[in-house]
Amino acid sequence: MLERIKKIFNRQINEKEINYKKIQEMLKKENVLIDVRSHQEYEEGHLIGAILIPLYTLETEILKKVPNKQTTIIVYCASGIRSKQAQEILESLGYENVYSLKGGLNSI
């Protein structure tokens, strides 16, 4: 009963959602940073080193750009909603190390 109450009143932190500081640390290693926003949004500005794979083409493009499913992938968007969806898609495709920028670019 106590555990159930804790779940109701305490927010569960998703360990697969990370902040920008953690992303900077992770990118010092060989990881892939993917911007899942639209082409227009990407052209207006993106994180250095990010490759563009819009959410709507992610399932068809990911194997071409990241064939190794053990690669650590960090996805981001503007607010964190599309990147969370992208994380779920990638995990359903068998990618094991996928992280989403919590709050998206708006959190930086």
Protein backbone atom coordinates (compact mmCIF):
# COMPACT_ATOMS: atom_id res chain seq x y z
CA MET A 1 0.00 0.00 0.00
CA LEU A 2 2.81 2.41 0.90
CA GLU A 3 4.51 1.79 -2.46
CA ARG A 4 1.29 2.57 -4.28
CA ILE A 5 0.92 5.86 -2.41
CA LYS A 6 4.55 6.76 -3.19
CA LYS A 7 3.90 6.17 -6.90
CA ILE A 8 0.88 8.46 -6.81
CA PHE A 9 2.54 11.34 -4.97
CA ASN A 10 6.13 11.08 -6.22
CA ARG A 11 7.13 11.55 -9.83
CA GLN A 12 9.01 8.61 -11.25
CA ILE A 13 12.17 9.79 -13.04
CA ASN A 14 12.74 8.00 -16.30
CA GLU A 15 16.40 6.97 -16.40
CA LYS A 16 16.33 7.18 -20.19
CA GLU A 17 15.56 10.91 -20.10
CA ILE A 18 18.70 12.97 -19.62
CA ASN A 19 19.62 16.63 -19.32
CA TYR A 20 21.87 18.65 -21.62
CA LYS A 21 24.88 18.46 -19.30
CA LYS A 22 24.75 14.66 -19.43
CA ILE A 23 24.48 14.80 -23.23
CA GLN A 24 27.66 16.88 -23.41
CA GLU A 25 29.47 14.25 -21.32
CA MET A 26 28.13 11.40 -23.45
CA LEU A 27 29.11 13.06 -26.73
CA LYS A 28 32.76 13.02 -25.69
CA LYS A 29 32.51 9.29 -26.43
CA GLU A 30 31.40 7.77 -29.72
CA ASN A 31 27.66 8.29 -29.51
CA VAL A 32 25.11 9.46 -32.08
CA LEU A 33 23.05 12.62 -31.59
CA ILE A 34 19.84 12.67 -33.63
CA ASP A 35 17.57 15.66 -34.17
CA VAL A 36 14.05 14.33 -34.81
CA ARG A 37 12.50 17.69 -35.70
CA SER A 38 11.56 18.80 -39.23
CA HIS A 39 14.05 19.89 -41.91
CA GLN A 40 13.00 23.50 -41.42
CA GLU A 41 13.50 23.38 -37.65
CA TYR A 42 16.91 21.76 -38.12
CA GLU A 43 17.98 24.44 -40.61
CA GLU A 44 16.93 27.17 -38.18
CA GLY A 45 19.41 25.79 -35.64
CA HIS A 46 20.54 22.51 -34.15
CA LEU A 47 23.05 21.06 -31.72
CA ILE A 48 26.58 20.71 -33.06
CA GLY A 49 27.20 17.20 -34.34
CA ALA A 50 23.53 16.29 -34.63
CA ILE A 51 22.26 14.40 -37.64
CA LEU A 52 18.75 15.01 -38.88
CA ILE A 53 16.29 12.14 -39.01
CA PRO A 54 12.79 13.61 -38.68
CA LEU A 55 10.43 11.57 -36.53
CA TYR A 56 8.20 10.82 -39.50
CA THR A 57 11.10 9.12 -41.37
CA LEU A 58 12.86 7.57 -38.38
CA GLU A 59 11.72 3.98 -38.93
CA THR A 60 12.81 3.95 -42.58
CA GLU A 61 16.07 5.92 -42.21
CA ILE A 62 17.62 4.74 -38.94
CA LEU A 63 19.21 1.53 -40.25
CA LYS A 64 20.96 3.47 -43.03
CA LYS A 65 22.49 5.97 -40.62
CA VAL A 66 22.95 3.83 -37.49
CA PRO A 67 23.18 0.15 -38.44
CA ASN A 68 24.69 -0.99 -35.10
CA LYS A 69 21.85 -1.46 -32.62
CA GLN A 70 24.29 -1.33 -29.67
CA THR A 71 25.30 2.25 -30.51
CA THR A 72 24.33 4.79 -27.87
CA ILE A 73 21.81 7.16 -29.43
CA ILE A 74 20.62 10.47 -28.00
CA VAL A 75 17.47 11.93 -29.56
CA TYR A 76 16.12 15.43 -29.15
CA CYS A 77 13.42 17.76 -30.44
CA ALA A 78 12.05 21.14 -29.36
CA SER A 79 10.13 20.15 -26.23
CA GLY A 80 10.90 16.48 -25.60
CA ILE A 81 7.64 15.04 -26.87
CA ARG A 82 8.82 13.87 -30.30
CA SER A 83 12.14 12.68 -28.90
CA LYS A 84 10.30 10.54 -26.35
CA GLN A 85 8.29 9.03 -29.21
CA ALA A 86 11.52 8.51 -31.16
CA GLN A 87 13.07 6.75 -28.17
CA GLU A 88 10.13 4.36 -28.01
CA ILE A 89 10.29 3.68 -31.78
CA LEU A 90 14.03 2.98 -31.66
CA GLU A 91 13.66 0.67 -28.68
CA SER A 92 10.87 -1.21 -30.47
CA LEU A 93 13.27 -1.66 -33.41
CA GLY A 94 15.83 -3.25 -31.11
CA TYR A 95 18.13 -0.33 -30.31
CA GLU A 96 19.29 -0.87 -26.75
CA ASN A 97 20.94 2.38 -25.65
CA VAL A 98 18.56 5.20 -26.54
CA TYR A 99 18.23 8.40 -24.51
CA SER A 100 15.91 11.37 -24.90
CA LEU A 101 16.78 14.97 -24.02
CA LYS A 102 14.30 15.76 -21.26
CA GLY A 103 12.44 18.96 -22.14
CA GLY A 104 14.08 19.14 -25.57
CA LEU A 105 15.93 22.21 -26.79
CA ASN A 106 13.61 24.34 -24.66
CA SER A 107 15.38 22.95 -21.58
CA ILE A 108 18.80 24.22 -22.60
